[in-house]
Amino acid sequence: MKTEIEARILDINKEELIKKLENMGATFVNNYEQKRYVYDFKPAVKGKWIRLRSDGEHSTLTIKEINNDKIDGTKELEILVSDIDDTNLILEKLGYKARSYQENRRIRYVYNNIEIDIDSWPLIPTYVEFEGTSEEEIREFVKLLGYKTSDLTTLNVNKIYEYYGLDIDSYAVLKFD
């Protein structure tokens, strides 16, 4: 499984961040309307799940595993699939019923080795996620953007919802109105 090295800053000003990224020469990649199905393992395993996601261009099937809350605490194993709906049907035939359906909006930029994802989810403020090849690389980039490294958090999406007093798992469907 691949180790993800990622951190986030919560409750950002999206327009201000986009201006900073563009002024520093970050490359705009795309705007994505993402949709995903989340499945539990059989039997369910705390901190481990299956995600089927499409960003409108590509669909992936992923095993996510949270080992700890550190910057490198998430592992994933991911493959491309040709069709999200057909893959969902295959999973259902194998006995996996989606625990939830979720949608979010993502704006992606890239700067050197760092992916910058500005994520908007229903019911919570927009945040930014930085994924890179090392913790130091992310910390230096965050300083370059004018943030403090103390602004960084390694909360995953479930814990971000908890931070705002919500339980993401209590929503069978989570999408924008």
C-alpha atoms as a PDB file:
ATOM      1  CA  MET A   1       0.000   0.000   0.000  1.00  0.00           C
ATOM      2  CA  LYS A   2       1.117   3.533  -0.762  1.00  0.00           C
ATOM      3  CA  THR A   3       1.675   5.928   2.139  1.00  0.00           C
ATOM      4  CA  GLU A   4      -0.021   9.281   1.712  1.00  0.00           C
ATOM      5  CA  ILE A   5       1.862  12.272   3.083  1.00  0.00           C
ATOM      6  CA  GLU A   6      -0.796  14.915   3.483  1.00  0.00           C
ATOM      7  CA  ALA A   7      -1.972  17.693   5.756  1.00  0.00           C
ATOM      8  CA  ARG A   8      -4.783  20.214   5.694  1.00  0.00           C
ATOM      9  CA  ILE A   9      -5.663  23.742   6.737  1.00  0.00           C
ATOM     10  CA  LEU A  10      -9.288  24.168   7.719  1.00  0.00           C
ATOM     11  CA  ASP A  11     -11.710  27.025   7.091  1.00  0.00           C
ATOM     12  CA  ILE A  12      -9.725  28.822   4.398  1.00  0.00           C
ATOM     13  CA  ASN A  13     -10.627  31.760   2.199  1.00  0.00           C
ATOM     14  CA  LYS A  14     -10.819  29.979  -1.161  1.00  0.00           C
ATOM     15  CA  GLU A  15     -10.532  33.064  -3.386  1.00  0.00           C
ATOM     16  CA  GLU A  16      -7.559  34.427  -1.430  1.00  0.00           C
ATOM     17  CA  LEU A  17      -5.748  31.076  -1.590  1.00  0.00           C
ATOM     18  CA  ILE A  18      -6.351  30.737  -5.336  1.00  0.00           C
ATOM     19  CA  LYS A  19      -4.864  34.225  -5.846  1.00  0.00           C
ATOM     20  CA  LYS A  20      -1.755  33.273  -3.843  1.00  0.00           C
ATOM     21  CA  LEU A  21      -1.334  30.027  -5.788  1.00  0.00           C
ATOM     22  CA  GLU A  22      -1.674  31.728  -9.153  1.00  0.00           C
ATOM     23  CA  ASN A  23       0.683  34.571  -8.158  1.00  0.00           C
ATOM     24  CA  MET A  24       3.379  32.065  -7.173  1.00  0.00           C
ATOM     25  CA  GLY A  25       3.026  30.170 -10.460  1.00  0.00           C
ATOM     26  CA  ALA A  26       1.162  27.070  -9.284  1.00  0.00           C
ATOM     27  CA  THR A  27      -0.376  25.158 -12.178  1.00  0.00           C
ATOM     28  CA  PHE A  28      -4.162  24.909 -12.261  1.00  0.00           C
ATOM     29  CA  VAL A  29      -5.174  21.299 -13.005  1.00  0.00           C
ATOM     30  CA  ASN A  30      -8.974  21.226 -12.927  1.00  0.00           C
ATOM     31  CA  ASN A  31     -12.266  21.753 -11.114  1.00  0.00           C
ATOM     32  CA  TYR A  32     -13.806  18.438 -10.112  1.00  0.00           C
ATOM     33  CA  GLU A  33     -17.298  17.443  -9.105  1.00  0.00           C
ATOM     34  CA  GLN A  34     -16.529  14.282  -7.176  1.00  0.00           C
ATOM     35  CA  LYS A  35     -18.917  11.545  -6.221  1.00  0.00           C
ATOM     36  CA  ARG A  36     -18.067   8.546  -4.110  1.00  0.00           C
ATOM     37  CA  TYR A  37     -19.497   5.440  -2.569  1.00  0.00           C
ATOM     38  CA  VAL A  38     -18.092   4.229   0.743  1.00  0.00           C
ATOM     39  CA  TYR A  39     -18.229   0.552   1.753  1.00  0.00           C
ATOM     40  CA  ASP A  40     -17.279  -1.272   4.921  1.00  0.00           C
ATOM     41  CA  PHE A  41     -15.118  -4.353   4.895  1.00  0.00           C
ATOM     42  CA  LYS A  42     -16.817  -7.615   5.780  1.00  0.00           C
ATOM     43  CA  PRO A  43     -16.549  -7.750   8.695  1.00  0.00           C
ATOM     44  CA  ALA A  44     -16.154  -4.016   9.318  1.00  0.00           C
ATOM     45  CA  VAL A  45     -12.672  -2.914  10.419  1.00  0.00           C
ATOM     46  CA  LYS A  46     -12.230   0.363  12.313  1.00  0.00           C
ATOM     47  CA  GLY A  47     -10.137   2.834  10.317  1.00  0.00           C
ATOM     48  CA  LYS A  48     -10.333   0.829   7.093  1.00  0.00           C
ATOM     49  CA  TRP A  49     -12.847   1.104   4.261  1.00  0.00           C
ATOM     50  CA  ILE A  50     -13.383   0.840   0.509  1.00  0.00           C
ATOM     51  CA  ARG A  51     -13.966   3.935  -1.601  1.00  0.00           C
ATOM     52  CA  LEU A  52     -15.296   4.048  -5.155  1.00  0.00           C
ATOM     53  CA  ARG A  53     -14.843   7.568  -6.512  1.00  0.00           C
ATOM     54  CA  SER A  54     -15.217   9.486  -9.756  1.00  0.00           C
ATOM     55  CA  ASP A  55     -13.949  12.986 -10.404  1.00  0.00           C
ATOM     56  CA  GLY A  56     -15.760  13.215 -13.742  1.00  0.00           C
ATOM     57  CA  GLU A  57     -12.637  12.184 -15.652  1.00  0.00           C
ATOM     58  CA  HIS A  58     -11.410   9.076 -13.862  1.00  0.00           C
ATOM     59  CA  SER A  59     -12.952   6.525 -11.532  1.00  0.00           C
ATOM     60  CA  THR A  60     -10.959   4.683  -8.894  1.00  0.00           C
ATOM     61  CA  LEU A  61     -11.509   1.863  -6.447  1.00  0.00           C
ATOM     62  CA  THR A  62      -9.459   2.335  -3.292  1.00  0.00           C
ATOM     63  CA  ILE A  63      -8.794   0.637   0.008  1.00  0.00           C
ATOM     64  CA  LYS A  64      -8.144   3.339   2.623  1.00  0.00           C
ATOM     65  CA  GLU A  65      -6.459   2.551   5.917  1.00  0.00           C
ATOM     66  CA  ILE A  66      -5.885   5.052   8.714  1.00  0.00           C
ATOM     67  CA  ASN A  67      -3.070   3.759  10.931  1.00  0.00           C
ATOM     68  CA  ASN A  68      -2.630   6.937  12.992  1.00  0.00           C
ATOM     69  CA  ASP A  69      -3.295  10.674  12.877  1.00  0.00           C
ATOM     70  CA  LYS A  70       0.207  11.664  11.753  1.00  0.00           C
ATOM     71  CA  ILE A  71       0.991  13.313   8.419  1.00  0.00           C
ATOM     72  CA  ASP A  72       1.968   9.898   7.001  1.00  0.00           C
ATOM     73  CA  GLY A  73      -0.640   7.830   8.849  1.00  0.00           C
ATOM     74  CA  THR A  74      -2.894   7.007   5.884  1.00  0.00           C
ATOM     75  CA  LYS A  75      -2.242   4.167   3.470  1.00  0.00           C
ATOM     76  CA  GLU A  76      -4.115   3.464   0.272  1.00  0.00           C
ATOM     77  CA  LEU A  77      -4.220   0.903  -2.477  1.00  0.00           C
ATOM     78  CA  GLU A  78      -5.903   2.267  -5.593  1.00  0.00           C
ATOM     79  CA  ILE A  79      -6.766   1.102  -9.090  1.00  0.00           C
ATOM     80  CA  LEU A  80      -8.483   2.782 -12.033  1.00  0.00           C
ATOM     81  CA  VAL A  81     -11.881   1.393 -12.996  1.00  0.00           C
ATOM     82  CA  SER A  82     -13.676   2.112 -16.231  1.00  0.00           C
ATOM     83  CA  ASP A  83     -17.118   2.979 -14.861  1.00  0.00           C
ATOM     84  CA  ILE A  84     -18.277   3.976 -11.373  1.00  0.00           C
ATOM     85  CA  ASP A  85     -21.832   2.681 -11.819  1.00  0.00           C
ATOM     86  CA  ASP A  86     -20.782  -0.717 -13.179  1.00  0.00           C
ATOM     87  CA  THR A  87     -18.146  -1.073 -10.465  1.00  0.00           C
ATOM     88  CA  ASN A  88     -20.773  -0.249  -7.829  1.00  0.00           C
ATOM     89  CA  LEU A  89     -22.984  -2.994  -9.315  1.00  0.00           C
ATOM     90  CA  ILE A  90     -20.104  -5.483  -9.230  1.00  0.00           C
ATOM     91  CA  LEU A  91     -19.444  -4.645  -5.577  1.00  0.00           C
ATOM     92  CA  GLU A  92     -23.138  -5.082  -4.784  1.00  0.00           C
ATOM     93  CA  LYS A  93     -23.132  -8.495  -6.505  1.00  0.00           C
ATOM     94  CA  LEU A  94     -20.129  -9.401  -4.330  1.00  0.00           C
ATOM     95  CA  GLY A  95     -22.186  -8.509  -1.255  1.00  0.00           C
ATOM     96  CA  TYR A  96     -20.903  -4.985  -0.579  1.00  0.00           C
ATOM     97  CA  LYS A  97     -23.640  -2.421  -0.053  1.00  0.00           C
ATOM     98  CA  ALA A  98     -22.529   1.204   0.012  1.00  0.00           C
ATOM     99  CA  ARG A  99     -22.667   2.619   3.526  1.00  0.00           C
ATOM    100  CA  SER A 100     -22.915   6.117   2.062  1.00  0.00           C
ATOM    101  CA  TYR A 101     -22.895   8.210  -1.064  1.00  0.00           C
ATOM    102  CA  GLN A 102     -20.974  11.510  -0.915  1.00  0.00           C
ATOM    103  CA  GLU A 103     -20.280  14.423  -3.196  1.00  0.00           C
ATOM    104  CA  ASN A 104     -17.746  17.230  -2.940  1.00  0.00           C
ATOM    105  CA  ARG A 105     -16.136  19.865  -5.104  1.00  0.00           C
ATOM    106  CA  ARG A 106     -12.372  20.015  -5.581  1.00  0.00           C
ATOM    107  CA  ILE A 107     -10.102  22.575  -7.220  1.00  0.00           C
ATOM    108  CA  ARG A 108      -6.632  21.172  -7.872  1.00  0.00           C
ATOM    109  CA  TYR A 109      -3.354  23.001  -8.329  1.00  0.00           C
ATOM    110  CA  VAL A 110       0.174  21.620  -8.481  1.00  0.00           C
ATOM    111  CA  TYR A 111       3.344  23.358  -7.356  1.00  0.00           C
ATOM    112  CA  ASN A 112       6.602  21.427  -7.794  1.00  0.00           C
ATOM    113  CA  ASN A 113       5.928  18.060  -6.079  1.00  0.00           C
ATOM    114  CA  ILE A 114       2.888  19.234  -4.112  1.00  0.00           C
ATOM    115  CA  GLU A 115      -0.750  18.652  -5.000  1.00  0.00           C
ATOM    116  CA  ILE A 116      -2.988  21.357  -3.585  1.00  0.00           C
ATOM    117  CA  ASP A 117      -6.651  20.393  -3.343  1.00  0.00           C
ATOM    118  CA  ILE A 118      -9.177  23.017  -2.288  1.00  0.00           C
ATOM    119  CA  ASP A 119     -12.084  20.915  -1.061  1.00  0.00           C
ATOM    120  CA  SER A 120     -15.666  22.014  -0.482  1.00  0.00           C
ATOM    121  CA  TRP A 121     -17.957  19.530   1.238  1.00  0.00           C
ATOM    122  CA  PRO A 122     -21.590  19.926   2.293  1.00  0.00           C
ATOM    123  CA  LEU A 123     -22.221  21.378   5.773  1.00  0.00           C
ATOM    124  CA  ILE A 124     -18.609  22.353   6.588  1.00  0.00           C
ATOM    125  CA  PRO A 125     -16.279  25.226   5.616  1.00  0.00           C
ATOM    126  CA  THR A 126     -13.905  24.832   2.670  1.00  0.00           C
ATOM    127  CA  TYR A 127     -10.428  23.533   3.496  1.00  0.00           C
ATOM    128  CA  VAL A 128      -7.195  22.887   1.613  1.00  0.00           C
ATOM    129  CA  GLU A 129      -5.243  19.648   1.471  1.00  0.00           C
ATOM    130  CA  PHE A 130      -1.540  19.448   0.639  1.00  0.00           C
ATOM    131  CA  GLU A 131      -0.071  16.154  -0.522  1.00  0.00           C
ATOM    132  CA  GLY A 132       3.642  15.848  -1.121  1.00  0.00           C
ATOM    133  CA  THR A 133       6.635  13.568  -0.944  1.00  0.00           C
ATOM    134  CA  SER A 134       7.733  14.635   2.555  1.00  0.00           C
ATOM    135  CA  GLU A 135       6.470  16.377   5.658  1.00  0.00           C
ATOM    136  CA  GLU A 136       9.232  18.981   5.376  1.00  0.00           C
ATOM    137  CA  GLU A 137       8.251  19.784   1.783  1.00  0.00           C
ATOM    138  CA  ILE A 138       4.647  20.438   2.866  1.00  0.00           C
ATOM    139  CA  ARG A 139       5.720  22.548   5.863  1.00  0.00           C
ATOM    140  CA  GLU A 140       8.008  24.706   3.693  1.00  0.00           C
ATOM    141  CA  PHE A 141       5.294  25.188   1.083  1.00  0.00           C
ATOM    142  CA  VAL A 142       2.740  26.213   3.715  1.00  0.00           C
ATOM    143  CA  LYS A 143       5.192  28.874   4.975  1.00  0.00           C
ATOM    144  CA  LEU A 144       5.712  30.037   1.376  1.00  0.00           C
ATOM    145  CA  LEU A 145       1.931  30.544   1.158  1.00  0.00           C
ATOM    146  CA  GLY A 146       2.005  32.716   4.285  1.00  0.00           C
ATOM    147  CA  TYR A 147       0.475  30.221   6.700  1.00  0.00           C
ATOM    148  CA  LYS A 148       2.032  28.989   9.929  1.00  0.00           C
ATOM    149  CA  THR A 149       2.919  25.318  10.198  1.00  0.00           C
ATOM    150  CA  SER A 150       0.786  25.320  13.360  1.00  0.00           C
ATOM    151  CA  ASP A 151      -2.215  25.924  11.042  1.00  0.00           C
ATOM    152  CA  LEU A 152      -1.728  22.405   9.634  1.00  0.00           C
ATOM    153  CA  THR A 153      -3.858  19.500  10.757  1.00  0.00           C
ATOM    154  CA  THR A 154      -3.770  15.841   9.827  1.00  0.00           C
ATOM    155  CA  LEU A 155      -7.470  15.267  10.511  1.00  0.00           C
ATOM    156  CA  ASN A 156      -9.094  13.061   7.861  1.00  0.00           C
ATOM    157  CA  VAL A 157     -12.503  13.926   6.384  1.00  0.00           C
ATOM    158  CA  ASN A 158     -14.414  11.961   9.056  1.00  0.00           C
ATOM    159  CA  LYS A 159     -12.554  13.791  11.833  1.00  0.00           C
ATOM    160  CA  ILE A 160     -12.995  17.153  10.120  1.00  0.00           C
ATOM    161  CA  TYR A 161     -16.748  16.596  10.257  1.00  0.00           C
ATOM    162  CA  GLU A 162     -16.390  15.640  13.945  1.00  0.00           C
ATOM    163  CA  TYR A 163     -14.398  18.854  14.503  1.00  0.00           C
ATOM    164  CA  TYR A 164     -17.491  20.762  13.305  1.00  0.00           C
ATOM    165  CA  GLY A 165     -19.792  18.670  15.528  1.00  0.00           C
ATOM    166  CA  LEU A 166     -21.094  16.377  12.772  1.00  0.00           C
ATOM    167  CA  ASP A 167     -20.927  12.625  12.215  1.00  0.00           C
ATOM    168  CA  ILE A 168     -20.316  12.022   8.503  1.00  0.00           C
ATOM    169  CA  ASP A 169     -21.305   8.364   8.946  1.00  0.00           C
ATOM    170  CA  SER A 170     -24.820   9.416   9.974  1.00  0.00           C
ATOM    171  CA  TYR A 171     -25.471  10.679   6.430  1.00  0.00           C
ATOM    172  CA  ALA A 172     -26.403   7.927   3.980  1.00  0.00           C
ATOM    173  CA  VAL A 173     -26.387  10.634   1.296  1.00  0.00           C
ATOM    174  CA  LEU A 174     -24.182  13.696   1.587  1.00  0.00           C
ATOM    175  CA  LYS A 175     -24.390  16.143  -1.283  1.00  0.00           C
ATOM    176  CA  PHE A 176     -24.979  19.795  -2.088  1.00  0.00           C
ATOM    177  CA  ASP A 177     -28.602  20.879  -2.476  1.00  0.00           C
END
